[in-house]
Protein backbone atom coordinates (compact mmCIF):
# COMPACT_ATOMS: atom_id res chain seq x y z
CA MET A 1 -104.23 109.55 -16.75
CA LYS A 2 -104.58 107.27 -13.74
CA LEU A 3 -101.82 104.73 -13.09
CA LYS A 4 -103.74 101.49 -13.56
CA GLY A 5 -103.15 98.05 -15.00
CA LYS A 6 -99.39 98.49 -15.35
CA LYS A 7 -96.48 96.24 -14.44
CA ILE A 8 -94.05 98.45 -12.55
CA PHE A 9 -90.54 97.23 -11.82
CA ILE A 10 -88.72 98.99 -8.96
CA THR A 11 -85.06 98.51 -8.06
CA GLY A 12 -84.47 99.41 -4.43
CA GLY A 13 -88.18 98.75 -4.07
CA ALA A 14 -87.91 97.67 -0.44
CA GLY A 15 -86.49 101.05 0.53
CA PHE A 16 -87.99 103.96 2.43
CA ILE A 17 -89.32 106.03 -0.48
CA ALA A 18 -90.38 103.05 -2.58
CA SER A 19 -92.39 101.49 0.24
CA HIS A 20 -94.61 104.58 0.49
CA PHE A 21 -95.00 104.86 -3.28
CA ILE A 22 -95.94 101.18 -3.60
CA GLU A 23 -98.74 101.61 -1.03
CA ARG A 24 -100.34 104.12 -3.39
CA ILE A 25 -100.27 102.05 -6.55
CA ILE A 26 -100.35 98.40 -5.49
CA ASP A 27 -104.11 97.83 -5.58
CA GLU A 28 -104.42 98.66 -9.28
CA ASN A 29 -101.00 97.69 -10.64
CA GLU A 30 -98.60 94.76 -10.59
CA VAL A 31 -95.39 95.69 -8.77
CA VAL A 32 -92.08 93.83 -8.91
CA VAL A 33 -89.62 94.78 -6.17
CA PHE A 34 -85.96 94.04 -6.93
CA ASP A 35 -83.79 94.61 -3.87
CA THR A 36 -80.93 93.20 -1.80
CA LEU A 37 -83.09 93.84 1.30
CA HIS A 38 -80.12 95.51 3.00
CA ARG A 39 -82.46 98.32 4.05
CA ASN A 40 -85.89 96.77 4.14
CA ALA A 41 -88.69 99.22 4.94
CA LEU A 42 -91.29 96.77 3.61
CA ARG A 43 -91.04 94.88 6.89
CA TYR A 44 -92.99 97.71 8.54
CA THR A 45 -95.90 97.17 6.11
CA ASN A 46 -98.17 94.36 4.93
CA LEU A 47 -97.12 94.87 1.32
CA GLU A 48 -95.18 91.62 0.99
CA LYS A 49 -98.47 89.74 1.44
CA HIS A 50 -100.29 91.72 -1.24
CA ARG A 51 -101.48 89.69 -4.22
CA ASN A 52 -100.08 92.28 -6.68
CA LEU A 53 -96.55 92.40 -5.28
CA LYS A 54 -93.66 90.16 -6.26
CA LEU A 55 -90.43 90.42 -4.29
CA VAL A 56 -87.20 89.39 -5.99
CA LYS A 57 -84.04 89.43 -3.91
CA GLY A 58 -81.25 90.53 -6.19
CA ASP A 59 -78.40 92.93 -6.90
CA VAL A 60 -78.37 95.47 -9.75
CA LEU A 61 -74.78 94.41 -10.46
CA ASP A 62 -76.13 90.99 -11.51
CA SER A 63 -77.31 91.86 -15.01
CA GLU A 64 -78.81 88.42 -15.74
CA SER A 65 -81.10 88.26 -12.70
CA LEU A 66 -81.97 91.93 -13.17
CA GLY A 67 -83.05 91.34 -16.75
CA ASN A 68 -85.05 88.23 -15.90
CA ALA A 69 -86.94 90.05 -13.13
CA LEU A 70 -87.66 93.02 -15.43
CA ASP A 71 -89.30 90.92 -18.12
CA ASN A 72 -92.63 92.28 -19.46
CA ALA A 73 -92.54 95.43 -17.32
CA ASP A 74 -94.25 98.58 -18.57
CA VAL A 75 -92.22 100.93 -16.38
CA ALA A 76 -88.82 100.67 -14.67
CA VAL A 77 -88.23 102.88 -11.64
CA HIS A 78 -84.58 102.87 -10.61
CA MET A 79 -84.13 103.65 -6.90
CA ALA A 80 -81.34 101.22 -5.99
CA SER A 81 -78.15 102.96 -4.88
CA ILE A 82 -75.65 103.47 -2.13
CA ALA A 83 -76.84 106.51 -0.18
CA GLY A 84 -76.01 108.51 2.93
CA VAL A 85 -72.93 110.70 3.23
CA GLY A 86 -71.26 108.55 5.88
CA THR A 87 -71.76 105.36 3.86
CA VAL A 88 -70.60 107.00 0.64
CA VAL A 89 -67.44 108.35 2.26
CA SER A 90 -66.57 104.92 3.67
CA MET A 91 -67.49 103.01 0.48
CA PRO A 92 -66.69 105.25 -2.52
CA SER A 93 -65.79 102.43 -4.92
CA THR A 94 -68.94 100.47 -4.07
CA THR A 95 -70.98 103.66 -4.48
CA LEU A 96 -69.66 104.22 -7.98
CA LYS A 97 -70.17 100.60 -9.03
CA ILE A 98 -73.75 100.32 -7.81
CA ASN A 99 -74.88 103.77 -8.92
CA LEU A 100 -73.18 103.69 -12.32
CA ILE A 101 -72.99 100.04 -13.36
CA GLY A 102 -76.39 99.34 -11.82
CA SER A 103 -77.93 102.11 -13.93
CA TYR A 104 -76.19 100.80 -17.06
CA ASN A 105 -77.36 97.24 -16.41
CA LEU A 106 -80.97 98.31 -15.99
CA LEU A 107 -80.96 100.54 -19.08
CA GLU A 108 -79.44 97.73 -21.14
CA ALA A 109 -82.11 95.36 -19.85
CA CYS A 110 -84.83 97.90 -20.72
CA GLN A 111 -83.47 98.24 -24.25
CA LYS A 112 -83.31 94.46 -24.82
CA ARG A 113 -86.78 93.85 -23.38
CA ASN A 114 -88.45 96.86 -25.01
CA VAL A 115 -89.31 98.61 -21.74
CA LYS A 116 -89.99 102.15 -22.92
CA ARG A 117 -90.51 104.06 -19.65
CA PHE A 118 -87.61 104.64 -17.26
CA VAL A 119 -87.51 106.78 -14.12
CA THR A 120 -84.17 107.33 -12.43
CA PHE A 121 -83.62 108.73 -8.95
CA SER A 122 -80.81 111.26 -8.83
CA THR A 123 -79.99 113.64 -5.98
CA SER A 124 -79.96 117.30 -4.97
CA GLU A 125 -76.23 116.76 -4.29
CA VAL A 126 -75.59 117.41 -8.00
CA TYR A 127 -76.01 121.14 -7.29
CA GLY A 128 -72.91 121.24 -5.09
CA PRO A 129 -72.24 122.91 -1.73
CA ASN A 130 -74.23 126.15 -2.12
CA VAL A 131 -77.48 126.40 -4.03
CA TYR A 132 -80.54 128.56 -3.44
CA ARG A 133 -83.63 127.90 -5.55
CA ALA A 134 -81.79 125.39 -7.70
CA ASN A 135 -83.13 125.20 -11.25
CA GLU A 136 -83.11 121.96 -13.25
CA ASP A 137 -81.95 123.74 -16.41
CA GLY A 138 -79.03 125.44 -14.66
CA PHE A 139 -75.50 124.21 -14.14
CA THR A 140 -74.57 121.42 -11.78
CA THR A 141 -71.51 121.77 -9.56
CA LEU A 142 -69.31 118.81 -8.70
CA GLY A 143 -66.68 118.68 -6.00
CA PRO A 144 -62.98 117.97 -6.48
CA ILE A 145 -61.25 114.62 -6.89
CA GLY A 146 -60.04 113.34 -3.52
CA LYS A 147 -63.19 114.33 -1.61
CA PRO A 148 -65.23 111.09 -1.39
CA ARG A 149 -68.46 112.91 -0.52
CA TRP A 150 -68.84 113.99 -4.14
CA VAL A 151 -68.58 110.43 -5.48
CA TYR A 152 -72.33 110.07 -4.90
CA ALA A 153 -73.23 113.22 -6.84
CA VAL A 154 -70.87 112.35 -9.70
CA SER A 155 -72.31 108.85 -10.06
CA LYS A 156 -75.89 110.08 -9.91
CA LEU A 157 -75.34 112.84 -12.46
CA ALA A 158 -73.56 110.40 -14.76
CA SER A 159 -76.58 108.09 -14.44
CA GLU A 160 -78.84 110.95 -15.51
CA PHE A 161 -76.71 111.54 -18.61
CA LEU A 162 -76.75 107.82 -19.31
CA ALA A 163 -80.56 107.65 -19.10
CA GLU A 164 -80.92 110.71 -21.32
CA SER A 165 -78.55 109.12 -23.84
CA TYR A 166 -80.66 105.95 -24.00
CA HIS A 167 -83.69 108.20 -24.46
CA ARG A 168 -82.11 109.86 -27.50
CA GLN A 169 -80.50 106.80 -29.04
CA PHE A 170 -82.94 103.99 -28.23
CA GLY A 171 -86.24 105.73 -27.51
CA ILE A 172 -86.45 104.83 -23.82
CA LYS A 173 -88.56 107.59 -22.33
CA PHE A 174 -86.67 108.67 -19.23
CA THR A 175 -87.51 111.02 -16.38
CA SER A 176 -85.03 112.01 -13.70
CA VAL A 177 -86.02 112.92 -10.13
CA ARG A 178 -83.80 115.02 -7.85
CA PRO A 179 -85.21 114.70 -4.31
CA PHE A 180 -84.39 117.28 -1.64
CA ASN A 181 -83.98 115.87 1.88
CA VAL A 182 -86.89 113.45 2.16
CA TYR A 183 -87.87 112.27 5.65
CA GLY A 184 -90.71 110.51 7.42
CA PRO A 185 -91.87 107.15 8.83
CA ARG A 186 -89.90 104.01 7.91
CA GLN A 187 -86.70 105.85 7.00
CA ILE A 188 -83.78 103.49 7.45
CA GLY A 189 -80.10 104.39 7.72
CA GLU A 190 -78.78 107.93 7.54
CA GLY A 191 -80.88 111.09 7.60
CA ALA A 192 -80.74 114.07 9.97
CA ILE A 193 -84.39 114.13 11.07
CA HIS A 194 -84.45 110.34 11.40
CA ASN A 195 -81.30 110.41 13.54
CA PHE A 196 -82.54 113.31 15.67
CA ILE A 197 -85.86 111.58 16.40
CA ILE A 198 -84.24 108.27 17.35
CA GLN A 199 -81.86 110.10 19.70
CA ALA A 200 -84.60 112.31 21.14
CA LEU A 201 -86.93 109.41 21.93
CA LYS A 202 -84.10 107.72 23.83
CA ASN A 203 -83.22 111.00 25.60
CA GLU A 204 -79.76 110.72 24.12
CA PRO A 205 -77.71 113.73 22.91
CA LEU A 206 -78.67 115.01 19.46
CA THR A 207 -75.54 115.21 17.33
CA VAL A 208 -75.31 118.30 15.11
CA HIS A 209 -72.36 118.39 12.72
CA GLY A 210 -70.47 121.65 12.44
CA ASP A 211 -72.14 124.69 13.97
CA GLY A 212 -75.63 123.75 12.78
CA SER A 213 -76.01 126.72 10.43
CA GLN A 214 -76.39 124.52 7.34
CA VAL A 215 -79.68 125.21 5.55
CA ARG A 216 -81.97 122.47 4.20
CA SER A 217 -85.45 122.20 2.72
CA TRP A 218 -87.27 119.19 4.16
CA LEU A 219 -89.76 117.12 2.15
CA TYR A 220 -92.21 114.82 3.93
CA ILE A 221 -92.44 111.35 2.42
CA ASP A 222 -96.15 111.59 1.49
CA ASP A 223 -95.34 114.53 -0.76
CA MET A 224 -92.48 112.61 -2.38
CA ALA A 225 -94.79 109.67 -3.13
CA ASP A 226 -97.39 112.09 -4.49
CA ALA A 227 -94.85 113.61 -6.88
CA LEU A 228 -93.73 110.21 -8.16
CA GLN A 229 -97.30 109.12 -8.80
CA LYS A 230 -98.05 112.36 -10.69
CA LEU A 231 -94.88 111.94 -12.71
CA LEU A 232 -95.92 108.50 -13.94
CA GLU A 233 -99.45 109.64 -14.72
CA THR A 234 -98.44 112.26 -17.30
CA ASP A 235 -96.63 111.90 -20.61
CA LYS A 236 -95.42 115.48 -20.18
CA SER A 237 -92.80 114.27 -17.72
CA GLU A 238 -91.00 112.25 -20.37
CA GLY A 239 -87.51 113.52 -21.14
CA GLU A 240 -87.56 115.88 -18.15
CA VAL A 241 -85.62 116.39 -14.92
CA PHE A 242 -87.53 117.46 -11.80
CA ASN A 243 -86.54 118.89 -8.45
CA ILE A 244 -88.89 117.46 -5.83
CA GLY A 245 -88.73 119.30 -2.52
CA ASN A 246 -90.49 121.77 -0.24
CA PRO A 247 -88.86 125.23 -0.17
CA GLN A 248 -91.37 126.40 2.45
CA ALA A 249 -90.10 123.76 4.90
CA THR A 250 -86.62 125.25 5.16
CA SER A 251 -84.55 125.47 8.33
CA THR A 252 -81.02 125.25 9.64
CA THR A 253 -79.78 121.96 11.04
CA LEU A 254 -79.77 123.45 14.53
CA GLN A 255 -83.35 124.71 14.17
CA THR A 256 -84.38 121.26 12.97
CA ALA A 257 -82.80 119.59 16.01
CA GLU A 258 -84.51 122.10 18.30
CA ALA A 259 -87.87 121.43 16.64
CA VAL A 260 -87.48 117.68 17.18
CA LEU A 261 -86.64 118.24 20.86
CA ARG A 262 -89.65 120.50 21.39
CA LEU A 263 -92.16 118.38 19.49
CA SER A 264 -91.04 115.13 21.12
CA ASN A 265 -90.83 116.60 24.66
CA SER A 266 -87.37 115.09 24.88
CA LYS A 267 -84.89 115.68 27.68
CA SER A 268 -81.98 115.34 25.26
CA LYS A 269 -79.29 117.96 24.85
CA ILE A 270 -77.71 119.11 21.60
CA VAL A 271 -74.02 118.41 21.09
CA PHE A 272 -71.86 119.69 18.24
CA LYS A 273 -69.44 117.48 16.36
CA GLU A 274 -66.72 118.45 13.92
CA MET A 275 -67.38 117.60 10.29
CA LYS A 276 -65.09 114.98 8.76
CA TYR A 277 -66.12 115.63 5.16
CA PRO A 278 -67.09 118.64 2.97
CA GLU A 279 -70.44 120.11 3.98
CA VAL A 280 -73.28 121.44 1.88
CA GLU A 281 -73.96 124.85 3.38
CA ILE A 282 -77.28 125.66 1.72
CA ARG A 283 -79.64 123.55 -0.37
CA VAL A 284 -83.02 125.00 -1.35
CA PRO A 285 -84.81 123.96 -4.56
CA SER A 286 -86.98 125.66 -7.08
CA ILE A 287 -89.98 123.41 -7.74
CA GLU A 288 -91.67 125.65 -10.30
CA LYS A 289 -91.13 123.11 -13.07
CA ALA A 290 -92.75 120.31 -11.04
CA LYS A 291 -95.65 122.62 -10.21
CA ARG A 292 -96.14 123.58 -13.85
CA ILE A 293 -95.81 120.17 -15.49
CA LEU A 294 -96.87 117.74 -12.75
CA GLY A 295 -99.25 119.89 -10.75
CA PHE A 296 -97.07 119.06 -7.73
CA GLU A 297 -97.59 121.05 -4.54
CA PRO A 298 -96.19 119.95 -1.16
CA LYS A 299 -99.01 119.61 1.36
CA VAL A 300 -97.28 118.65 4.63
CA GLY A 301 -95.60 121.44 6.55
CA PHE A 302 -92.32 121.20 8.45
CA GLU A 303 -93.66 120.78 11.99
CA GLU A 304 -96.62 118.64 10.94
CA GLY A 305 -94.27 116.26 9.16
CA ILE A 306 -91.97 116.02 12.16
CA LYS A 307 -94.94 115.35 14.46
CA ARG A 308 -96.16 112.51 12.23
CA THR A 309 -92.67 111.04 12.06
CA ILE A 310 -92.15 111.22 15.82
CA GLU A 311 -95.48 109.50 16.40
CA TRP A 312 -94.56 106.67 14.05
CA TYR A 313 -91.21 106.08 15.74
CA ARG A 314 -92.86 106.11 19.15
CA LYS A 315 -95.03 103.22 18.03
CA ASN A 316 -92.24 101.41 16.20
CA LYS A 317 -89.22 101.77 18.44
CA LYS A 318 -86.13 100.06 17.07
């Protein structure tokens, strides 16, 4: 079923992932973006001028303005959150408030305004420090109290439980998305490939934390947007949790830095920096469920995605 003629409300809608998703759906749907504009990727697009887009500057902690902006929506997509390990570690209380209370406020608004479709963005962090071919139906692993890194995972997992509870009790049809290391053009803030490319294009040292042996699976932004569109176009996604990633685009952090240097023809050197917070050593998803239910299949390979991202940053130097 094609996504057409819907009113889609997106918190964090000015962000990196949302901006790419909106480009896909804006011509045939009404989109309401609700965002503080702290990280505004829309400024790199012409979307704000589109006749089908309404931009509301607001905070998910303000339940009244959130509810008013949501009014008459067919679908709520909840992307607003505090993200990035460095930011989370420095702002753990703010992270919990925005990720938890923001989710509660939006679900309450959906219930009161009879919005029956809710998509929440979680995180691959819920699988803990070591996971290979993570399965959505398996156990999640949360870190200990006193390690602020895990505040993000705890708040996101709690938000998943909250959405599922509203699904059972109030009939709001939820879907949860667990993205695995998304990168690409217009990424703002933290992100290893984003940071490496910015440093490489300036011929500055590329900072690798630890010894660089950490393993990640990298998902290009076009594939993330593709998955989200497929998810909203099928009723079979309702009540489900999906890993969205690209297991075939897996590398160590050091190999990723080396690929950026080679593909950008940079003169930068790699420097190693001690970790100041607990590290995730390996994070590789299973995406069999997304393949089976959504027909999702990543199309952009590791080096092709890095090339496209480098080219974009060359043209849009910050």
